[in-house]
Amino acid sequence: MNTENQDINKEEQDLNQTVENETETIGVETEQQADTVEDELAKEKDRYLRLFAEFENYKRRTAKERLELLSTASEGVMLSMLPILDDFNRAVIELEKHGESDHLTGIKLIATKFTDTLSSKGLVEVEIKAGDDFNADLAEAVTQIPAGDEMKGKVFDVIERGYKLGDKIIRFPKVVIGQ
């Protein structure tokens, strides 16, 4: 019986040793798998953050493009209306030469209403007057005329008014500058 107990103890020790070895092996494999899983998780998290940032940039860019499109969508219509606005302004100037009349009052009413309507849609006149310094970014010089030293490099006359739609100049004022 003693021999049997020794054999059983020996088998039990061998079995315990085998279990310990397998446990160590499983523990090492589990740690390696955990490290691998953590690495994969970190990579996926980084990929997710990059994708999220890219999507946020895309949303911001498309929103900006949409705002720009809406602000300049009417540019073509406004450009086609500018000659009519010029005609109204010339008509008012000519009728004022003949004095007050019902025609002048009617044309002024229509011109004012037309100007107010275009202004409500974002059209603004580029403010340039005779005597202002010439700025090539804001006006187009049609011609130069000889002038005294006080008018050299300055706007002598405004031939055609210029207009902005929002922040963009859609028609530059045409001016004559002193030389």
C-alpha atoms as a PDB file:
ATOM      1  CA  MET A   1       0.000   0.000   0.000  1.00  0.00           C
ATOM      2  CA  ASN A   2       2.870   2.255   0.683  1.00  0.00           C
ATOM      3  CA  THR A   3       4.107   1.708  -2.812  1.00  0.00           C
ATOM      4  CA  GLU A   4       0.721   2.529  -4.161  1.00  0.00           C
ATOM      5  CA  ASN A   5       0.651   5.755  -2.160  1.00  0.00           C
ATOM      6  CA  GLN A   6       4.060   6.638  -3.461  1.00  0.00           C
ATOM      7  CA  ASP A   7       2.939   5.941  -7.031  1.00  0.00           C
ATOM      8  CA  ILE A   8      -0.183   8.013  -6.504  1.00  0.00           C
ATOM      9  CA  ASN A   9       1.856  10.846  -4.961  1.00  0.00           C
ATOM     10  CA  LYS A  10       4.313  10.614  -7.846  1.00  0.00           C
ATOM     11  CA  GLU A  11       1.489  10.712 -10.391  1.00  0.00           C
ATOM     12  CA  GLU A  12      -0.111  13.564  -8.482  1.00  0.00           C
ATOM     13  CA  GLN A  13       3.141  15.533  -8.506  1.00  0.00           C
ATOM     14  CA  ASP A  14       3.622  14.864 -12.213  1.00  0.00           C
ATOM     15  CA  LEU A  15       0.068  15.966 -12.861  1.00  0.00           C
ATOM     16  CA  ASN A  16       0.534  19.117 -10.741  1.00  0.00           C
ATOM     17  CA  GLN A  17       3.781  19.867 -12.580  1.00  0.00           C
ATOM     18  CA  THR A  18       2.052  19.430 -15.932  1.00  0.00           C
ATOM     19  CA  VAL A  19      -0.833  21.671 -14.829  1.00  0.00           C
ATOM     20  CA  GLU A  20       1.632  24.330 -13.625  1.00  0.00           C
ATOM     21  CA  ASN A  21       3.559  24.195 -16.906  1.00  0.00           C
ATOM     22  CA  GLU A  22       0.381  24.448 -18.938  1.00  0.00           C
ATOM     23  CA  THR A  23      -0.883  27.270 -16.705  1.00  0.00           C
ATOM     24  CA  GLU A  24       2.380  29.166 -17.241  1.00  0.00           C
ATOM     25  CA  THR A  25       2.133  28.558 -20.994  1.00  0.00           C
ATOM     26  CA  ILE A  26      -1.493  29.651 -21.033  1.00  0.00           C
ATOM     27  CA  GLY A  27      -0.613  32.684 -18.887  1.00  0.00           C
ATOM     28  CA  VAL A  28       2.171  33.704 -21.300  1.00  0.00           C
ATOM     29  CA  GLU A  29      -0.103  33.158 -24.316  1.00  0.00           C
ATOM     30  CA  THR A  30      -2.894  35.087 -22.606  1.00  0.00           C
ATOM     31  CA  GLU A  31      -0.533  38.005 -21.909  1.00  0.00           C
ATOM     32  CA  GLN A  32       0.655  37.955 -25.520  1.00  0.00           C
ATOM     33  CA  GLN A  33      -2.942  37.852 -26.740  1.00  0.00           C
ATOM     34  CA  ALA A  34      -3.862  40.671 -24.367  1.00  0.00           C
ATOM     35  CA  ASP A  35      -0.934  42.761 -25.662  1.00  0.00           C
ATOM     36  CA  THR A  36      -1.967  42.008 -29.246  1.00  0.00           C
ATOM     37  CA  VAL A  37      -5.590  42.884 -28.503  1.00  0.00           C
ATOM     38  CA  GLU A  38      -4.518  46.137 -26.804  1.00  0.00           C
ATOM     39  CA  ASP A  39      -2.333  47.033 -29.800  1.00  0.00           C
ATOM     40  CA  GLU A  40      -5.187  46.328 -32.198  1.00  0.00           C
ATOM     41  CA  LEU A  41      -7.551  48.330 -30.005  1.00  0.00           C
ATOM     42  CA  ALA A  42      -5.131  51.286 -29.970  1.00  0.00           C
ATOM     43  CA  LYS A  43      -4.785  51.107 -33.775  1.00  0.00           C
ATOM     44  CA  GLU A  44      -8.554  50.998 -34.267  1.00  0.00           C
ATOM     45  CA  LYS A  45      -9.064  53.848 -31.799  1.00  0.00           C
ATOM     46  CA  ASP A  46      -6.468  55.954 -33.663  1.00  0.00           C
ATOM     47  CA  ARG A  47      -8.121  55.098 -36.985  1.00  0.00           C
ATOM     48  CA  TYR A  48     -11.516  56.040 -35.543  1.00  0.00           C
ATOM     49  CA  LEU A  49     -10.234  59.384 -34.240  1.00  0.00           C
ATOM     50  CA  ARG A  50      -8.619  60.205 -37.579  1.00  0.00           C
ATOM     51  CA  LEU A  51     -11.771  59.256 -39.458  1.00  0.00           C
ATOM     52  CA  PHE A  52     -13.896  61.333 -37.074  1.00  0.00           C
ATOM     53  CA  ALA A  53     -11.591  64.359 -37.491  1.00  0.00           C
ATOM     54  CA  GLU A  54     -11.669  63.957 -41.267  1.00  0.00           C
ATOM     55  CA  PHE A  55     -15.462  63.812 -41.217  1.00  0.00           C
ATOM     56  CA  GLU A  56     -15.656  66.944 -39.034  1.00  0.00           C
ATOM     57  CA  ASN A  57     -13.368  68.773 -41.495  1.00  0.00           C
ATOM     58  CA  TYR A  58     -15.567  67.594 -44.365  1.00  0.00           C
ATOM     59  CA  LYS A  59     -18.712  68.882 -42.628  1.00  0.00           C
ATOM     60  CA  ARG A  60     -17.072  72.251 -41.916  1.00  0.00           C
ATOM     61  CA  ARG A  61     -15.801  72.568 -45.492  1.00  0.00           C
ATOM     62  CA  THR A  62     -19.160  71.704 -47.077  1.00  0.00           C
ATOM     63  CA  ALA A  63     -20.984  74.097 -44.756  1.00  0.00           C
ATOM     64  CA  LYS A  64     -18.575  76.869 -45.761  1.00  0.00           C
ATOM     65  CA  GLU A  65     -18.999  76.033 -49.460  1.00  0.00           C
ATOM     66  CA  ARG A  66     -22.777  76.023 -49.048  1.00  0.00           C
ATOM     67  CA  LEU A  67     -22.700  79.482 -47.430  1.00  0.00           C
ATOM     68  CA  GLU A  68     -20.461  80.814 -50.214  1.00  0.00           C
ATOM     69  CA  LEU A  69     -22.760  79.322 -52.835  1.00  0.00           C
ATOM     70  CA  LEU A  70     -25.820  80.881 -51.243  1.00  0.00           C
ATOM     71  CA  SER A  71     -24.144  84.271 -50.926  1.00  0.00           C
ATOM     72  CA  THR A  72     -23.010  84.329 -54.552  1.00  0.00           C
ATOM     73  CA  ALA A  73     -25.816  82.296 -56.137  1.00  0.00           C
ATOM     74  CA  SER A  74     -27.575  85.456 -57.224  1.00  0.00           C
ATOM     75  CA  GLU A  75     -24.421  86.977 -58.749  1.00  0.00           C
ATOM     76  CA  GLY A  76     -25.530  86.261 -62.335  1.00  0.00           C
ATOM     77  CA  VAL A  77     -28.961  87.784 -61.759  1.00  0.00           C
ATOM     78  CA  MET A  78     -27.434  90.820 -60.053  1.00  0.00           C
ATOM     79  CA  LEU A  79     -24.989  91.356 -62.917  1.00  0.00           C
ATOM     80  CA  SER A  80     -27.855  91.316 -65.408  1.00  0.00           C
ATOM     81  CA  MET A  81     -29.784  93.868 -63.286  1.00  0.00           C
ATOM     82  CA  LEU A  82     -26.922  96.367 -63.014  1.00  0.00           C
ATOM     83  CA  PRO A  83     -27.466  97.929 -66.477  1.00  0.00           C
ATOM     84  CA  ILE A  84     -31.104  98.536 -65.526  1.00  0.00           C
ATOM     85  CA  LEU A  85     -29.989 100.191 -62.299  1.00  0.00           C
ATOM     86  CA  ASP A  86     -27.564 102.349 -64.310  1.00  0.00           C
ATOM     87  CA  ASP A  87     -30.393 103.355 -66.655  1.00  0.00           C
ATOM     88  CA  PHE A  88     -32.567 104.400 -63.706  1.00  0.00           C
ATOM     89  CA  ASN A  89     -29.732 106.507 -62.289  1.00  0.00           C
ATOM     90  CA  ARG A  90     -29.170 108.207 -65.676  1.00  0.00           C
ATOM     91  CA  ALA A  91     -32.913 108.825 -66.050  1.00  0.00           C
ATOM     92  CA  VAL A  92     -33.095 110.484 -62.626  1.00  0.00           C
ATOM     93  CA  ILE A  93     -30.088 112.707 -63.454  1.00  0.00           C
ATOM     94  CA  GLU A  94     -31.605 113.788 -66.806  1.00  0.00           C
ATOM     95  CA  LEU A  95     -35.056 114.430 -65.355  1.00  0.00           C
ATOM     96  CA  GLU A  96     -33.551 116.507 -62.522  1.00  0.00           C
ATOM     97  CA  LYS A  97     -32.047 118.805 -65.184  1.00  0.00           C
ATOM     98  CA  HIS A  98     -35.588 119.692 -66.295  1.00  0.00           C
ATOM     99  CA  GLY A  99     -36.818 120.466 -62.786  1.00  0.00           C
ATOM    100  CA  GLU A 100     -39.392 118.832 -60.548  1.00  0.00           C
ATOM    101  CA  SER A 101     -42.173 116.968 -62.312  1.00  0.00           C
ATOM    102  CA  ASP A 102     -44.493 114.028 -61.854  1.00  0.00           C
ATOM    103  CA  HIS A 103     -42.238 111.988 -64.159  1.00  0.00           C
ATOM    104  CA  LEU A 104     -39.213 112.660 -61.961  1.00  0.00           C
ATOM    105  CA  THR A 105     -41.163 111.673 -58.835  1.00  0.00           C
ATOM    106  CA  GLY A 106     -42.373 108.432 -60.455  1.00  0.00           C
ATOM    107  CA  ILE A 107     -38.941 107.467 -61.756  1.00  0.00           C
ATOM    108  CA  LYS A 108     -37.376 108.240 -58.349  1.00  0.00           C
ATOM    109  CA  LEU A 109     -39.946 106.008 -56.619  1.00  0.00           C
ATOM    110  CA  ILE A 110     -39.296 103.123 -58.996  1.00  0.00           C
ATOM    111  CA  ALA A 111     -35.515 103.581 -58.840  1.00  0.00           C
ATOM    112  CA  THR A 112     -35.567 103.708 -55.043  1.00  0.00           C
ATOM    113  CA  LYS A 113     -37.708 100.594 -54.813  1.00  0.00           C
ATOM    114  CA  PHE A 114     -35.463  98.756 -57.289  1.00  0.00           C
ATOM    115  CA  THR A 115     -32.303  99.844 -55.433  1.00  0.00           C
ATOM    116  CA  ASP A 116     -33.776  98.840 -52.066  1.00  0.00           C
ATOM    117  CA  THR A 117     -34.779  95.424 -53.414  1.00  0.00           C
ATOM    118  CA  LEU A 118     -31.276  94.766 -54.767  1.00  0.00           C
ATOM    119  CA  SER A 119     -29.751  96.037 -51.508  1.00  0.00           C
ATOM    120  CA  SER A 120     -31.915  93.642 -49.497  1.00  0.00           C
ATOM    121  CA  LYS A 121     -30.411  90.799 -51.546  1.00  0.00           C
ATOM    122  CA  GLY A 122     -26.883  91.903 -50.582  1.00  0.00           C
ATOM    123  CA  LEU A 123     -25.927  94.341 -53.351  1.00  0.00           C
ATOM    124  CA  VAL A 124     -23.857  97.286 -52.096  1.00  0.00           C
ATOM    125  CA  GLU A 125     -22.365 100.143 -54.106  1.00  0.00           C
ATOM    126  CA  VAL A 126     -18.574 100.486 -53.990  1.00  0.00           C
ATOM    127  CA  GLU A 127     -18.058 103.975 -52.591  1.00  0.00           C
ATOM    128  CA  ILE A 128     -15.638 105.978 -54.760  1.00  0.00           C
ATOM    129  CA  LYS A 129     -15.872 109.707 -55.312  1.00  0.00           C
ATOM    130  CA  ALA A 130     -13.911 112.262 -57.281  1.00  0.00           C
ATOM    131  CA  GLY A 131     -10.838 113.280 -55.277  1.00  0.00           C
ATOM    132  CA  ASP A 132     -10.308 109.877 -53.593  1.00  0.00           C
ATOM    133  CA  ASP A 133      -6.921 108.200 -53.949  1.00  0.00           C
ATOM    134  CA  PHE A 134      -6.935 105.630 -56.759  1.00  0.00           C
ATOM    135  CA  ASN A 135      -6.810 102.035 -55.521  1.00  0.00           C
ATOM    136  CA  ALA A 136      -6.430  99.406 -58.256  1.00  0.00           C
ATOM    137  CA  ASP A 137      -7.953  96.781 -55.951  1.00  0.00           C
ATOM    138  CA  LEU A 138     -11.224  98.699 -55.745  1.00  0.00           C
ATOM    139  CA  ALA A 139     -11.549 100.437 -59.115  1.00  0.00           C
ATOM    140  CA  GLU A 140     -10.710 100.067 -62.779  1.00  0.00           C
ATOM    141  CA  ALA A 141      -8.918 103.001 -64.438  1.00  0.00           C
ATOM    142  CA  VAL A 142     -10.401 103.584 -67.874  1.00  0.00           C
ATOM    143  CA  THR A 143      -8.184 106.507 -68.800  1.00  0.00           C
ATOM    144  CA  GLN A 144      -5.811 109.102 -67.405  1.00  0.00           C
ATOM    145  CA  ILE A 145      -6.051 112.806 -68.018  1.00  0.00           C
ATOM    146  CA  PRO A 146      -3.491 115.513 -67.355  1.00  0.00           C
ATOM    147  CA  ALA A 147      -4.286 117.202 -64.065  1.00  0.00           C
ATOM    148  CA  GLY A 148      -2.568 119.400 -61.546  1.00  0.00           C
ATOM    149  CA  ASP A 149      -0.387 118.102 -58.752  1.00  0.00           C
ATOM    150  CA  GLU A 150      -3.323 118.011 -56.354  1.00  0.00           C
ATOM    151  CA  MET A 151      -5.195 115.451 -58.559  1.00  0.00           C
ATOM    152  CA  LYS A 152      -2.189 113.308 -59.510  1.00  0.00           C
ATOM    153  CA  GLY A 153      -2.980 109.646 -58.693  1.00  0.00           C
ATOM    154  CA  LYS A 154      -6.485 110.540 -57.568  1.00  0.00           C
ATOM    155  CA  VAL A 155      -9.899 109.739 -59.010  1.00  0.00           C
ATOM    156  CA  PHE A 156     -10.911 112.567 -61.330  1.00  0.00           C
ATOM    157  CA  ASP A 157     -14.339 111.244 -62.357  1.00  0.00           C
ATOM    158  CA  VAL A 158     -16.457 108.092 -61.888  1.00  0.00           C
ATOM    159  CA  ILE A 159     -17.763 106.906 -65.258  1.00  0.00           C
ATOM    160  CA  GLU A 160     -19.607 103.788 -64.087  1.00  0.00           C
ATOM    161  CA  ARG A 161     -20.534 102.786 -60.539  1.00  0.00           C
ATOM    162  CA  GLY A 162     -19.218  99.552 -59.076  1.00  0.00           C
ATOM    163  CA  TYR A 163     -21.050  97.071 -56.876  1.00  0.00           C
ATOM    164  CA  LYS A 164     -20.287  94.376 -54.325  1.00  0.00           C
ATOM    165  CA  LEU A 165     -22.317  91.302 -53.511  1.00  0.00           C
ATOM    166  CA  GLY A 166     -21.396  90.448 -49.948  1.00  0.00           C
ATOM    167  CA  ASP A 167     -17.629  90.847 -49.749  1.00  0.00           C
ATOM    168  CA  LYS A 168     -16.991  90.140 -53.444  1.00  0.00           C
ATOM    169  CA  ILE A 169     -16.841  92.951 -55.982  1.00  0.00           C
ATOM    170  CA  ILE A 170     -18.989  91.844 -58.911  1.00  0.00           C
ATOM    171  CA  ARG A 171     -18.433  94.981 -60.990  1.00  0.00           C
ATOM    172  CA  PHE A 172     -15.512  97.327 -60.464  1.00  0.00           C
ATOM    173  CA  PRO A 173     -16.199 101.057 -60.747  1.00  0.00           C
ATOM    174  CA  LYS A 174     -14.759 102.579 -63.907  1.00  0.00           C
ATOM    175  CA  VAL A 175     -12.905 105.805 -63.171  1.00  0.00           C
ATOM    176  CA  VAL A 176     -10.779 108.468 -64.805  1.00  0.00           C
ATOM    177  CA  ILE A 177      -7.608 109.295 -62.870  1.00  0.00           C
ATOM    178  CA  GLY A 178      -5.388 112.332 -62.880  1.00  0.00           C
ATOM    179  CA  GLN A 179      -1.889 112.031 -64.347  1.00  0.00           C
END
